[in-house]
Amino acid sequence: MLNTAKRTNKKASERFNFSKERFIRSVGYWVVKAYIRTILEWGQLADVHNKDQRRKNMRAIKSADTSIEVRVRKMLWHAGYRYRLNVKSLTGTPDIYLPKYRAAIQINGCLWHGHNCPQFVLPKTRTEFWKEKISSNVQRDLRSISELKKQNIRALLIWECAIRGNGRLEPDYLLKLISRWLPTDDSLSVIDKQGIRSASLEDLNAQFNEALNFQLKTNPA
């Protein structure tokens, strides 16, 4: 009975530590995001670092294992799907790769990849720099998808707004959309808060240009 009690306490402690870690990670993300948005929208703050140190800090910003990626991964794992993460042999090192379906899943932040939704707001300071930066991200995304297609690997692009924020999809519904897409032969589809749809590289490029033009028109530098 004593051993049983110890095991129960250990499991409870592990669950608490996991919840605590997840809470800290989630709060940390939102604090950083709020700070970045403040800088971008209200102007540059005085930088206490030199150029080399700032470059080093920017390179250290996490580009993998973000909270939205982790949500999708856990969702798929609990549903019985098995996958590989950030496979370097695949162009663009997609976030999730499911060998059984020859399918790559990429989860993109709406701000940094120029999605045509309210989460994409072009910064009011250094507008030209950020326009070029985000445009570069988009073109890199398109090249990666094109290369995956040449390798006979299908691609599913999931936008951040489908996972969190106002109007986000319910987790069960998001999983249902992914599950419906995986066994198909659709080479490229997109999931956002409107649902899922087939797409082409031209469609993705056009929606970015539309979003960018709208931002330039409504938020002039």
N, C-alpha and C. Protein backbone atom coordinates (compact mmCIF):
# COMPACT_ATOMS: atom_id res chain seq x y z
N MET A 1 0.83 -1.21 0.00
CA MET A 1 0.00 0.00 0.00
C MET A 1 0.87 1.26 0.00
N LEU A 2 2.00 1.15 0.77
CA LEU A 2 2.92 2.29 0.83
C LEU A 2 3.53 2.59 -0.54
N ASN A 3 3.92 1.49 -1.24
CA ASN A 3 4.49 1.66 -2.58
C ASN A 3 3.49 2.27 -3.54
N THR A 4 2.24 1.83 -3.41
CA THR A 4 1.17 2.37 -4.26
C THR A 4 1.00 3.87 -4.03
N ALA A 5 1.04 4.25 -2.75
CA ALA A 5 0.90 5.68 -2.41
C ALA A 5 2.05 6.47 -2.97
N LYS A 6 3.28 5.90 -2.90
CA LYS A 6 4.44 6.60 -3.44
C LYS A 6 4.32 6.79 -4.94
N ARG A 7 3.87 5.73 -5.64
CA ARG A 7 3.72 5.84 -7.10
C ARG A 7 2.67 6.88 -7.46
N THR A 8 1.58 6.91 -6.68
CA THR A 8 0.52 7.90 -6.93
C THR A 8 1.04 9.31 -6.74
N ASN A 9 1.81 9.50 -5.65
CA ASN A 9 2.38 10.84 -5.39
C ASN A 9 3.37 11.24 -6.47
N LYS A 10 4.16 10.25 -6.96
CA LYS A 10 5.13 10.52 -8.01
C LYS A 10 4.43 10.96 -9.30
N LYS A 11 3.36 10.23 -9.66
CA LYS A 11 2.61 10.59 -10.88
C LYS A 11 2.00 11.97 -10.75
N ALA A 12 1.44 12.25 -9.55
CA ALA A 12 0.84 13.57 -9.33
C ALA A 12 1.89 14.66 -9.45
N SER A 13 3.10 14.39 -8.89
CA SER A 13 4.19 15.36 -8.97
C SER A 13 4.61 15.59 -10.41
N GLU A 14 4.70 14.50 -11.22
CA GLU A 14 5.09 14.62 -12.62
C GLU A 14 4.07 15.44 -13.39
N ARG A 15 2.77 15.18 -13.12
CA ARG A 15 1.73 15.94 -13.82
C ARG A 15 1.81 17.41 -13.46
N PHE A 16 2.11 17.69 -12.16
CA PHE A 16 2.22 19.09 -11.73
C PHE A 16 3.39 19.78 -12.40
N ASN A 17 4.54 19.09 -12.44
CA ASN A 17 5.73 19.67 -13.06
C ASN A 17 5.51 19.93 -14.54
N PHE A 18 4.82 18.98 -15.22
CA PHE A 18 4.54 19.15 -16.65
C PHE A 18 3.63 20.35 -16.86
N SER A 19 2.56 20.47 -16.03
CA SER A 19 1.63 21.59 -16.16
C SER A 19 2.33 22.90 -15.87
N LYS A 20 3.22 22.88 -14.85
CA LYS A 20 3.96 24.08 -14.50
C LYS A 20 4.87 24.52 -15.65
N GLU A 21 5.58 23.53 -16.25
CA GLU A 21 6.48 23.83 -17.37
C GLU A 21 5.69 24.37 -18.56
N ARG A 22 4.56 23.74 -18.86
CA ARG A 22 3.74 24.19 -19.99
C ARG A 22 3.22 25.60 -19.74
N PHE A 23 2.82 25.89 -18.49
CA PHE A 23 2.31 27.22 -18.15
C PHE A 23 3.39 28.28 -18.34
N ILE A 24 4.61 27.97 -17.84
CA ILE A 24 5.71 28.92 -17.96
C ILE A 24 6.04 29.17 -19.42
N ARG A 25 6.07 28.08 -20.23
CA ARG A 25 6.39 28.22 -21.65
C ARG A 25 5.34 29.06 -22.36
N SER A 26 4.07 28.84 -22.01
CA SER A 26 2.99 29.58 -22.65
C SER A 26 3.04 31.05 -22.28
N VAL A 27 3.22 31.33 -20.98
CA VAL A 27 3.28 32.73 -20.52
C VAL A 27 4.50 33.42 -21.15
N GLY A 28 5.62 32.70 -21.19
CA GLY A 28 6.83 33.27 -21.78
C GLY A 28 6.62 33.67 -23.22
N TYR A 29 5.92 32.81 -23.98
CA TYR A 29 5.68 33.11 -25.39
C TYR A 29 4.88 34.41 -25.53
N TRP A 30 3.81 34.53 -24.75
CA TRP A 30 2.95 35.71 -24.90
C TRP A 30 3.66 36.99 -24.45
N VAL A 31 4.52 36.89 -23.43
CA VAL A 31 5.29 38.05 -22.98
C VAL A 31 6.23 38.51 -24.10
N VAL A 32 6.94 37.56 -24.70
CA VAL A 32 7.87 37.90 -25.79
C VAL A 32 7.11 38.48 -26.97
N LYS A 33 5.96 37.85 -27.32
CA LYS A 33 5.19 38.33 -28.47
C LYS A 33 4.68 39.75 -28.23
N ALA A 34 4.21 40.02 -27.00
CA ALA A 34 3.72 41.36 -26.69
C ALA A 34 4.85 42.38 -26.76
N TYR A 35 6.03 41.98 -26.30
CA TYR A 35 7.19 42.88 -26.34
C TYR A 35 7.57 43.19 -27.78
N ILE A 36 7.62 42.16 -28.63
CA ILE A 36 7.98 42.37 -30.03
C ILE A 36 6.97 43.27 -30.72
N ARG A 37 5.69 43.01 -30.49
CA ARG A 37 4.65 43.84 -31.12
C ARG A 37 4.78 45.30 -30.67
N THR A 38 5.11 45.51 -29.39
CA THR A 38 5.27 46.88 -28.88
C THR A 38 6.39 47.59 -29.62
N ILE A 39 7.50 46.88 -29.80
CA ILE A 39 8.63 47.47 -30.51
C ILE A 39 8.27 47.80 -31.95
N LEU A 40 7.60 46.84 -32.61
CA LEU A 40 7.30 47.01 -34.03
C LEU A 40 6.27 48.11 -34.28
N GLU A 41 5.28 48.21 -33.39
CA GLU A 41 4.18 49.12 -33.64
C GLU A 41 4.42 50.53 -33.10
N TRP A 42 5.24 50.65 -32.05
CA TRP A 42 5.40 51.95 -31.43
C TRP A 42 6.79 52.55 -31.63
N GLY A 43 7.61 51.83 -32.36
CA GLY A 43 8.92 52.40 -32.67
C GLY A 43 10.05 51.63 -32.04
N GLN A 44 11.25 51.88 -32.49
CA GLN A 44 12.42 51.19 -31.99
C GLN A 44 12.81 51.72 -30.62
N LEU A 45 13.11 50.79 -29.71
CA LEU A 45 13.63 51.18 -28.42
C LEU A 45 15.15 51.32 -28.54
N ALA A 46 15.74 52.05 -27.62
CA ALA A 46 17.19 52.19 -27.62
C ALA A 46 17.82 50.82 -27.43
N ASP A 47 18.74 50.45 -28.28
CA ASP A 47 19.35 49.13 -28.25
C ASP A 47 20.63 49.17 -27.43
N VAL A 48 20.69 48.36 -26.37
CA VAL A 48 21.84 48.37 -25.48
C VAL A 48 22.95 47.45 -26.00
N HIS A 49 22.68 46.70 -27.08
CA HIS A 49 23.66 45.78 -27.63
C HIS A 49 24.27 46.34 -28.92
N ASN A 50 25.50 45.92 -29.18
CA ASN A 50 26.08 46.29 -30.47
C ASN A 50 25.51 45.39 -31.56
N LYS A 51 25.90 45.68 -32.81
CA LYS A 51 25.30 44.98 -33.94
C LYS A 51 25.56 43.48 -33.90
N ASP A 52 26.79 43.09 -33.56
CA ASP A 52 27.13 41.66 -33.51
C ASP A 52 26.36 40.93 -32.43
N GLN A 53 26.23 41.57 -31.25
CA GLN A 53 25.50 40.93 -30.15
C GLN A 53 24.02 40.81 -30.49
N ARG A 54 23.47 41.84 -31.15
CA ARG A 54 22.06 41.78 -31.53
C ARG A 54 21.83 40.66 -32.54
N ARG A 55 22.76 40.51 -33.50
CA ARG A 55 22.62 39.44 -34.49
C ARG A 55 22.65 38.07 -33.79
N LYS A 56 23.55 37.93 -32.82
CA LYS A 56 23.65 36.67 -32.08
C LYS A 56 22.37 36.38 -31.32
N ASN A 57 21.79 37.41 -30.70
CA ASN A 57 20.54 37.22 -29.96
C ASN A 57 19.39 36.83 -30.88
N MET A 58 19.32 37.46 -32.05
CA MET A 58 18.25 37.15 -32.99
C MET A 58 18.36 35.73 -33.51
N ARG A 59 19.60 35.26 -33.71
CA ARG A 59 19.79 33.89 -34.19
C ARG A 59 19.38 32.87 -33.14
N ALA A 60 19.40 33.29 -31.88
CA ALA A 60 19.07 32.37 -30.79
C ALA A 60 17.57 32.23 -30.58
N ILE A 61 16.78 33.08 -31.24
CA ILE A 61 15.33 32.99 -31.09
C ILE A 61 14.84 31.66 -31.63
N LYS A 62 13.97 31.01 -30.88
CA LYS A 62 13.52 29.68 -31.19
C LYS A 62 12.69 29.67 -32.46
N SER A 63 13.09 28.81 -33.42
CA SER A 63 12.32 28.67 -34.66
C SER A 63 11.68 27.30 -34.75
N ALA A 64 12.02 26.41 -33.82
CA ALA A 64 11.42 25.08 -33.77
C ALA A 64 10.84 24.85 -32.39
N ASP A 65 9.94 23.86 -32.29
CA ASP A 65 9.30 23.53 -31.02
C ASP A 65 8.52 24.71 -30.44
N THR A 66 7.94 25.55 -31.30
CA THR A 66 7.09 26.62 -30.81
C THR A 66 5.81 26.02 -30.26
N SER A 67 5.08 26.81 -29.48
CA SER A 67 3.89 26.27 -28.81
C SER A 67 2.83 25.79 -29.80
N ILE A 68 2.69 26.49 -30.95
CA ILE A 68 1.68 26.04 -31.90
C ILE A 68 2.10 24.73 -32.57
N GLU A 69 3.41 24.56 -32.80
CA GLU A 69 3.90 23.29 -33.35
C GLU A 69 3.65 22.15 -32.38
N VAL A 70 3.96 22.40 -31.10
CA VAL A 70 3.79 21.36 -30.08
C VAL A 70 2.34 20.94 -29.97
N ARG A 71 1.42 21.88 -30.08
CA ARG A 71 -0.01 21.53 -30.00
C ARG A 71 -0.40 20.56 -31.11
N VAL A 72 0.04 20.86 -32.32
CA VAL A 72 -0.32 20.00 -33.45
C VAL A 72 0.35 18.63 -33.31
N ARG A 73 1.60 18.61 -32.89
CA ARG A 73 2.31 17.35 -32.72
C ARG A 73 1.63 16.46 -31.70
N LYS A 74 1.26 17.02 -30.54
CA LYS A 74 0.59 16.23 -29.51
C LYS A 74 -0.76 15.71 -29.99
N MET A 75 -1.46 16.56 -30.73
CA MET A 75 -2.75 16.18 -31.28
C MET A 75 -2.62 14.97 -32.18
N LEU A 76 -1.63 15.01 -33.08
CA LEU A 76 -1.41 13.91 -34.01
C LEU A 76 -0.95 12.64 -33.29
N TRP A 77 -0.05 12.81 -32.33
CA TRP A 77 0.50 11.65 -31.62
C TRP A 77 -0.59 10.90 -30.86
N HIS A 78 -1.45 11.66 -30.16
CA HIS A 78 -2.52 11.03 -29.39
C HIS A 78 -3.56 10.37 -30.30
N ALA A 79 -3.62 10.83 -31.55
CA ALA A 79 -4.55 10.22 -32.51
C ALA A 79 -3.94 8.99 -33.18
N GLY A 80 -2.70 8.68 -32.84
CA GLY A 80 -2.07 7.47 -33.37
C GLY A 80 -1.16 7.68 -34.56
N TYR A 81 -0.96 8.93 -34.98
CA TYR A 81 -0.08 9.21 -36.12
C TYR A 81 1.38 9.26 -35.64
N ARG A 82 2.26 8.68 -36.43
CA ARG A 82 3.68 8.71 -36.11
C ARG A 82 4.43 9.51 -37.17
N TYR A 83 5.37 10.31 -36.72
CA TYR A 83 6.00 11.27 -37.61
C TYR A 83 7.45 11.51 -37.21
N ARG A 84 8.14 12.26 -38.06
CA ARG A 84 9.49 12.71 -37.78
C ARG A 84 9.48 14.24 -37.75
N LEU A 85 10.40 14.79 -36.99
CA LEU A 85 10.44 16.24 -36.82
C LEU A 85 11.64 16.85 -37.54
N ASN A 86 11.37 17.96 -38.24
CA ASN A 86 12.44 18.78 -38.84
C ASN A 86 13.49 17.93 -39.56
N VAL A 87 13.02 17.13 -40.52
CA VAL A 87 13.90 16.24 -41.27
C VAL A 87 14.80 17.08 -42.17
N LYS A 88 16.09 17.07 -41.89
CA LYS A 88 17.03 17.94 -42.60
C LYS A 88 17.25 17.52 -44.05
N SER A 89 16.95 16.27 -44.37
CA SER A 89 17.13 15.82 -45.75
C SER A 89 16.02 16.32 -46.66
N LEU A 90 14.95 16.88 -46.08
CA LEU A 90 13.85 17.43 -46.86
C LEU A 90 14.02 18.95 -46.97
N THR A 91 13.77 19.47 -48.14
CA THR A 91 13.91 20.91 -48.37
C THR A 91 13.04 21.70 -47.40
N GLY A 92 13.65 22.67 -46.74
CA GLY A 92 12.90 23.51 -45.82
C GLY A 92 12.73 22.91 -44.44
N THR A 93 13.25 21.70 -44.23
CA THR A 93 13.10 20.99 -42.94
C THR A 93 11.71 21.20 -42.34
N PRO A 94 10.67 20.63 -42.97
CA PRO A 94 9.31 20.85 -42.49
C PRO A 94 9.14 20.46 -41.02
N ASP A 95 8.21 21.12 -40.36
CA ASP A 95 8.00 20.89 -38.93
C ASP A 95 7.67 19.43 -38.63
N ILE A 96 6.80 18.84 -39.45
CA ILE A 96 6.34 17.47 -39.23
C ILE A 96 6.37 16.72 -40.56
N TYR A 97 6.89 15.51 -40.53
CA TYR A 97 6.89 14.67 -41.74
C TYR A 97 6.32 13.30 -41.39
N LEU A 98 5.31 12.88 -42.12
CA LEU A 98 4.68 11.58 -41.91
C LEU A 98 5.06 10.67 -43.08
N PRO A 99 6.06 9.81 -42.89
CA PRO A 99 6.55 8.95 -43.98
C PRO A 99 5.47 8.07 -44.60
N LYS A 100 4.56 7.57 -43.78
CA LYS A 100 3.52 6.67 -44.28
C LYS A 100 2.70 7.33 -45.38
N TYR A 101 2.48 8.63 -45.25
CA TYR A 101 1.65 9.37 -46.20
C TYR A 101 2.48 10.22 -47.16
N ARG A 102 3.80 10.19 -47.01
CA ARG A 102 4.68 11.08 -47.77
C ARG A 102 4.12 12.51 -47.73
N ALA A 103 3.86 12.93 -46.50
CA ALA A 103 3.22 14.24 -46.29
C ALA A 103 4.02 15.07 -45.29
N ALA A 104 4.22 16.33 -45.64
CA ALA A 104 4.91 17.27 -44.75
C ALA A 104 3.90 18.30 -44.26
N ILE A 105 3.98 18.60 -42.98
CA ILE A 105 3.10 19.61 -42.39
C ILE A 105 3.95 20.76 -41.88
N GLN A 106 3.63 21.97 -42.33
CA GLN A 106 4.34 23.16 -41.90
C GLN A 106 3.38 24.06 -41.14
N ILE A 107 3.77 24.49 -39.94
CA ILE A 107 2.94 25.39 -39.14
C ILE A 107 3.58 26.77 -39.16
N ASN A 108 2.92 27.73 -39.75
CA ASN A 108 3.49 29.07 -39.95
C ASN A 108 2.82 30.12 -39.09
N GLY A 109 3.64 31.01 -38.52
CA GLY A 109 3.10 32.17 -37.82
C GLY A 109 2.56 33.17 -38.84
N CYS A 110 1.39 33.70 -38.55
CA CYS A 110 0.74 34.60 -39.51
C CYS A 110 1.50 35.90 -39.71
N LEU A 111 2.13 36.40 -38.65
CA LEU A 111 2.86 37.66 -38.76
C LEU A 111 4.13 37.51 -39.59
N TRP A 112 4.95 36.50 -39.28
CA TRP A 112 6.25 36.39 -39.91
C TRP A 112 6.22 35.76 -41.29
N HIS A 113 5.07 35.19 -41.67
CA HIS A 113 4.98 34.58 -43.00
C HIS A 113 3.89 35.22 -43.85
N GLY A 114 3.40 36.38 -43.42
CA GLY A 114 2.54 37.20 -44.26
C GLY A 114 1.20 36.60 -44.63
N HIS A 115 0.47 36.07 -43.62
CA HIS A 115 -0.85 35.52 -43.92
C HIS A 115 -1.88 36.63 -44.04
N ASN A 116 -2.80 36.46 -44.94
CA ASN A 116 -3.84 37.48 -45.17
C ASN A 116 -4.93 37.34 -44.12
N CYS A 117 -4.60 37.76 -42.89
CA CYS A 117 -5.56 37.70 -41.78
C CYS A 117 -5.19 38.80 -40.79
N PRO A 118 -6.05 39.07 -39.79
CA PRO A 118 -5.79 40.17 -38.85
C PRO A 118 -4.50 40.02 -38.05
N GLN A 119 -3.93 38.82 -37.97
CA GLN A 119 -2.71 38.64 -37.19
C GLN A 119 -1.47 39.16 -37.93
N PHE A 120 -1.62 39.43 -39.21
CA PHE A 120 -0.51 40.00 -39.98
C PHE A 120 -0.67 41.51 -40.02
N VAL A 121 0.18 42.20 -39.28
CA VAL A 121 0.19 43.67 -39.27
C VAL A 121 1.61 44.12 -39.57
N LEU A 122 1.79 44.78 -40.67
CA LEU A 122 3.12 45.24 -41.06
C LEU A 122 3.57 46.34 -40.10
N PRO A 123 4.76 46.21 -39.51
CA PRO A 123 5.25 47.20 -38.55
C PRO A 123 5.29 48.60 -39.14
N LYS A 124 5.02 49.58 -38.29
CA LYS A 124 4.99 50.98 -38.74
C LYS A 124 6.39 51.59 -38.79
N THR A 125 7.34 50.97 -38.09
CA THR A 125 8.72 51.46 -38.13
C THR A 125 9.56 50.52 -38.98
N ARG A 126 10.51 51.09 -39.70
CA ARG A 126 11.37 50.31 -40.61
C ARG A 126 10.51 49.43 -41.51
N THR A 127 9.46 50.04 -42.02
CA THR A 127 8.48 49.28 -42.81
C THR A 127 9.11 48.59 -44.01
N GLU A 128 10.00 49.28 -44.70
CA GLU A 128 10.62 48.70 -45.88
C GLU A 128 11.46 47.47 -45.51
N PHE A 129 12.18 47.57 -44.41
CA PHE A 129 12.99 46.43 -43.96
C PHE A 129 12.12 45.22 -43.67
N TRP A 130 11.02 45.43 -42.92
CA TRP A 130 10.17 44.30 -42.54
C TRP A 130 9.41 43.76 -43.74
N LYS A 131 9.08 44.65 -44.68
CA LYS A 131 8.42 44.17 -45.91
C LYS A 131 9.34 43.21 -46.65
N GLU A 132 10.60 43.58 -46.78
CA GLU A 132 11.57 42.71 -47.46
C GLU A 132 11.82 41.42 -46.67
N LYS A 133 11.89 41.54 -45.35
CA LYS A 133 12.13 40.37 -44.50
C LYS A 133 11.00 39.36 -44.63
N ILE A 134 9.77 39.82 -44.51
CA ILE A 134 8.62 38.91 -44.58
C ILE A 134 8.45 38.37 -46.00
N SER A 135 8.70 39.22 -47.00
CA SER A 135 8.64 38.77 -48.39
C SER A 135 9.65 37.65 -48.64
N SER A 136 10.83 37.79 -48.04
CA SER A 136 11.86 36.76 -48.16
C SER A 136 11.40 35.45 -47.54
N ASN A 137 10.74 35.55 -46.38
CA ASN A 137 10.20 34.34 -45.74
C ASN A 137 9.19 33.64 -46.63
N VAL A 138 8.32 34.43 -47.23
CA VAL A 138 7.28 33.86 -48.10
C VAL A 138 7.89 33.18 -49.32
N GLN A 139 8.85 33.84 -49.95
CA GLN A 139 9.46 33.24 -51.14
C GLN A 139 10.23 31.97 -50.79
N ARG A 140 10.84 31.95 -49.61
CA ARG A 140 11.53 30.73 -49.17
C ARG A 140 10.51 29.60 -48.94
N ASP A 141 9.37 29.94 -48.36
CA ASP A 141 8.31 28.94 -48.16
C ASP A 141 7.87 28.34 -49.49
N LEU A 142 7.67 29.21 -50.48
CA LEU A 142 7.20 28.76 -51.79
C LEU A 142 8.23 27.86 -52.47
N ARG A 143 9.49 28.23 -52.35
CA ARG A 143 10.56 27.39 -52.94
C ARG A 143 10.61 26.02 -52.26
N SER A 144 10.45 26.01 -50.94
CA SER A 144 10.50 24.74 -50.21
C SER A 144 9.36 23.83 -50.62
N ILE A 145 8.17 24.37 -50.74
CA ILE A 145 7.01 23.57 -51.15
C ILE A 145 7.21 23.03 -52.56
N SER A 146 7.75 23.88 -53.44
CA SER A 146 8.01 23.47 -54.82
C SER A 146 9.00 22.30 -54.86
N GLU A 147 10.05 22.38 -54.03
CA GLU A 147 11.06 21.32 -54.00
C GLU A 147 10.49 20.04 -53.41
N LEU A 148 9.64 20.16 -52.41
CA LEU A 148 8.99 18.97 -51.83
C LEU A 148 8.13 18.27 -52.88
N LYS A 149 7.44 19.06 -53.68
CA LYS A 149 6.60 18.49 -54.73
C LYS A 149 7.44 17.68 -55.71
N LYS A 150 8.65 18.18 -56.02
CA LYS A 150 9.54 17.46 -56.93
C LYS A 150 9.99 16.12 -56.33
N GLN A 151 10.01 16.05 -54.98
CA GLN A 151 10.38 14.83 -54.29
C GLN A 151 9.17 13.93 -54.05
N ASN A 152 8.06 14.30 -54.67
CA ASN A 152 6.81 13.55 -54.52
C ASN A 152 6.33 13.53 -53.07
N ILE A 153 6.51 14.66 -52.40
CA ILE A 153 6.03 14.81 -51.03
C ILE A 153 4.96 15.89 -51.00
N ARG A 154 3.82 15.54 -50.46
CA ARG A 154 2.70 16.49 -50.38
C ARG A 154 2.90 17.43 -49.19
N ALA A 155 2.27 18.58 -49.26
CA ALA A 155 2.46 19.60 -48.22
C ALA A 155 1.11 20.10 -47.70
N LEU A 156 1.06 20.25 -46.38
CA LEU A 156 -0.09 20.86 -45.72
C LEU A 156 0.42 22.04 -44.90
N LEU A 157 -0.08 23.22 -45.21
CA LEU A 157 0.31 24.44 -44.51
C LEU A 157 -0.78 24.81 -43.51
N ILE A 158 -0.42 24.87 -42.24
CA ILE A 158 -1.38 25.25 -41.20
C ILE A 158 -0.98 26.62 -40.66
N TRP A 159 -1.90 27.56 -40.73
CA TRP A 159 -1.63 28.91 -40.26
C TRP A 159 -1.93 29.04 -38.77
N GLU A 160 -1.18 29.90 -38.13
CA GLU A 160 -1.30 30.14 -36.68
C GLU A 160 -2.74 30.47 -36.28
N CYS A 161 -3.44 31.25 -37.10
CA CYS A 161 -4.80 31.69 -36.74
C CYS A 161 -5.78 30.53 -36.63
N ALA A 162 -5.44 29.38 -37.21
CA ALA A 162 -6.30 28.20 -37.08
C ALA A 162 -6.13 27.54 -35.73
N ILE A 163 -5.02 27.85 -35.05
CA ILE A 163 -4.68 27.17 -33.80
C ILE A 163 -4.95 28.04 -32.58
N ARG A 164 -4.72 29.35 -32.71
CA ARG A 164 -4.99 30.23 -31.57
C ARG A 164 -5.44 31.60 -32.07
N GLY A 165 -6.06 32.32 -31.14
CA GLY A 165 -6.58 33.64 -31.48
C GLY A 165 -8.08 33.59 -31.71
N ASN A 166 -8.68 34.75 -31.91
CA ASN A 166 -10.12 34.83 -32.15
C ASN A 166 -10.50 34.07 -33.42
N GLY A 167 -11.52 33.26 -33.34
CA GLY A 167 -11.99 32.53 -34.51
C GLY A 167 -11.22 31.26 -34.80
N ARG A 168 -10.32 30.87 -33.90
CA ARG A 168 -9.53 29.64 -34.12
C ARG A 168 -10.44 28.42 -34.20
N LEU A 169 -9.93 27.38 -34.82
CA LEU A 169 -10.68 26.14 -34.96
C LEU A 169 -10.62 25.34 -33.66
N GLU A 170 -11.69 24.60 -33.40
CA GLU A 170 -11.67 23.69 -32.26
C GLU A 170 -10.63 22.59 -32.52
N PRO A 171 -9.87 22.18 -31.51
CA PRO A 171 -8.83 21.16 -31.72
C PRO A 171 -9.35 19.88 -32.39
N ASP A 172 -10.52 19.41 -31.98
CA ASP A 172 -11.06 18.18 -32.59
C ASP A 172 -11.36 18.38 -34.07
N TYR A 173 -11.84 19.57 -34.40
CA TYR A 173 -12.15 19.85 -35.80
C TYR A 173 -10.87 19.98 -36.62
N LEU A 174 -9.85 20.62 -36.04
CA LEU A 174 -8.57 20.74 -36.73
C LEU A 174 -7.98 19.36 -37.00
N LEU A 175 -8.05 18.48 -36.01
CA LEU A 175 -7.54 17.12 -36.20
C LEU A 175 -8.33 16.39 -37.29
N LYS A 176 -9.62 16.62 -37.33
CA LYS A 176 -10.46 15.97 -38.35
C LYS A 176 -10.05 16.43 -39.75
N LEU A 177 -9.76 17.72 -39.90
CA LEU A 177 -9.34 18.24 -41.20
C LEU A 177 -8.02 17.62 -41.64
N ILE A 178 -7.08 17.53 -40.70
CA ILE A 178 -5.78 16.93 -41.02
C ILE A 178 -5.95 15.46 -41.39
N SER A 179 -6.77 14.75 -40.62
CA SER A 179 -6.99 13.32 -40.85
C SER A 179 -7.65 13.06 -42.20
N ARG A 180 -8.53 13.95 -42.60
CA ARG A 180 -9.18 13.80 -43.91
C ARG A 180 -8.20 14.04 -45.05
N TRP A 181 -7.27 14.95 -44.83
CA TRP A 181 -6.33 15.31 -45.90
C TRP A 181 -5.25 14.25 -46.10
N LEU A 182 -4.74 13.68 -45.02
CA LEU A 182 -3.58 12.79 -45.11
C LEU A 182 -3.71 11.66 -46.13
N PRO A 183 -4.83 10.93 -46.19
CA PRO A 183 -4.89 9.80 -47.14
C PRO A 183 -5.22 10.22 -48.58
N THR A 184 -5.41 11.50 -48.83
CA THR A 184 -5.75 11.93 -50.18
C THR A 184 -4.49 12.08 -51.03
N ASP A 185 -4.68 12.43 -52.30
CA ASP A 185 -3.53 12.68 -53.17
C ASP A 185 -3.35 14.17 -53.45
N ASP A 186 -3.99 15.00 -52.63
CA ASP A 186 -3.88 16.45 -52.78
C ASP A 186 -2.45 16.88 -52.47
N SER A 187 -1.78 17.52 -53.43
CA SER A 187 -0.36 17.84 -53.28
C SER A 187 -0.12 19.04 -52.37
N LEU A 188 -1.09 19.94 -52.27
CA LEU A 188 -0.93 21.13 -51.41
C LEU A 188 -2.29 21.61 -50.92
N SER A 189 -2.41 21.72 -49.61
CA SER A 189 -3.62 22.28 -49.01
C SER A 189 -3.24 23.23 -47.90
N VAL A 190 -4.18 24.09 -47.55
CA VAL A 190 -3.96 25.10 -46.53
C VAL A 190 -5.09 25.04 -45.51
N ILE A 191 -4.73 25.14 -44.23
CA ILE A 191 -5.72 25.23 -43.17
C ILE A 191 -5.54 26.57 -42.46
N ASP A 192 -6.61 27.35 -42.42
CA ASP A 192 -6.62 28.56 -41.60
C ASP A 192 -7.93 28.55 -40.82
N LYS A 193 -8.30 29.67 -40.22
CA LYS A 193 -9.50 29.66 -39.39
C LYS A 193 -10.79 29.54 -40.20
N GLN A 194 -10.67 29.62 -41.54
CA GLN A 194 -11.82 29.42 -42.40
C GLN A 194 -12.05 27.93 -42.70
N GLY A 195 -11.05 27.10 -42.40
CA GLY A 195 -11.15 25.67 -42.71
C GLY A 195 -10.00 25.23 -43.60
N ILE A 196 -10.25 24.22 -44.43
CA ILE A 196 -9.20 23.67 -45.30
C ILE A 196 -9.58 23.87 -46.77
N ARG A 197 -8.58 24.05 -47.61
CA ARG A 197 -8.83 24.18 -49.03
C ARG A 197 -7.57 23.77 -49.79
N SER A 198 -7.77 23.28 -51.00
CA SER A 198 -6.64 23.00 -51.87
C SER A 198 -6.07 24.33 -52.36
N ALA A 199 -4.78 24.33 -52.64
CA ALA A 199 -4.14 25.58 -53.05
C ALA A 199 -3.02 25.27 -54.04
N SER A 200 -2.50 26.33 -54.62
CA SER A 200 -1.33 26.23 -55.50
C SER A 200 -0.32 27.26 -55.03
N LEU A 201 0.89 27.17 -55.54
CA LEU A 201 1.91 28.15 -55.18
C LEU A 201 1.48 29.55 -55.60
N GLU A 202 0.81 29.61 -56.75
CA GLU A 202 0.33 30.91 -57.24
C GLU A 202 -0.71 31.50 -56.27
N ASP A 203 -1.56 30.63 -55.72
CA ASP A 203 -2.57 31.09 -54.76
C ASP A 203 -1.90 31.69 -53.52
N LEU A 204 -0.89 30.98 -53.01
CA LEU A 204 -0.21 31.45 -51.80
C LEU A 204 0.50 32.78 -52.05
N ASN A 205 1.13 32.90 -53.20
CA ASN A 205 1.83 34.15 -53.53
C ASN A 205 0.84 35.30 -53.70
N ALA A 206 -0.29 35.00 -54.31
CA ALA A 206 -1.31 36.03 -54.55
C ALA A 206 -1.91 36.51 -53.23
N GLN A 207 -2.17 35.59 -52.29
CA GLN A 207 -2.77 36.01 -51.02
C GLN A 207 -1.79 36.86 -50.21
N PHE A 208 -0.48 36.54 -50.33
CA PHE A 208 0.50 37.37 -49.62
C PHE A 208 0.55 38.77 -50.22
N ASN A 209 0.58 38.86 -51.54
CA ASN A 209 0.62 40.17 -52.20
C ASN A 209 -0.61 40.99 -51.84
N GLU A 210 -1.74 40.33 -51.77
CA GLU A 210 -2.98 41.01 -51.39
C GLU A 210 -2.88 41.55 -49.96
N ALA A 211 -2.38 40.69 -49.05
CA ALA A 211 -2.23 41.11 -47.66
C ALA A 211 -1.22 42.25 -47.53
N LEU A 212 -0.12 42.15 -48.25
CA LEU A 212 0.92 43.18 -48.18
C LEU A 212 0.42 44.50 -48.72
N ASN A 213 -0.26 44.48 -49.86
CA ASN A 213 -0.79 45.71 -50.44
C ASN A 213 -1.81 46.37 -49.52
N PHE A 214 -2.61 45.55 -48.86
CA PHE A 214 -3.60 46.09 -47.92
C PHE A 214 -2.89 46.77 -46.75
N GLN A 215 -1.83 46.15 -46.24
CA GLN A 215 -1.09 46.74 -45.12
C GLN A 215 -0.42 48.05 -45.53
N LEU A 216 0.16 48.08 -46.72
CA LEU A 216 0.83 49.29 -47.19
C LEU A 216 -0.15 50.43 -47.41
N LYS A 217 -1.35 50.06 -47.80
CA LYS A 217 -2.36 51.07 -48.08
C LYS A 217 -2.97 51.62 -46.80
N THR A 218 -3.24 50.73 -45.82
CA THR A 218 -3.92 51.15 -44.59
C THR A 218 -2.97 51.60 -43.49
N ASN A 219 -1.70 51.17 -43.58
CA ASN A 219 -0.72 51.55 -42.56
C ASN A 219 0.51 52.16 -43.22
N PRO A 220 0.37 53.29 -43.86
CA PRO A 220 1.53 53.91 -44.54
C PRO A 220 2.62 54.26 -43.54
N ALA A 221 3.87 54.11 -43.99
CA ALA A 221 5.00 54.42 -43.12
C ALA A 221 5.06 55.90 -42.80
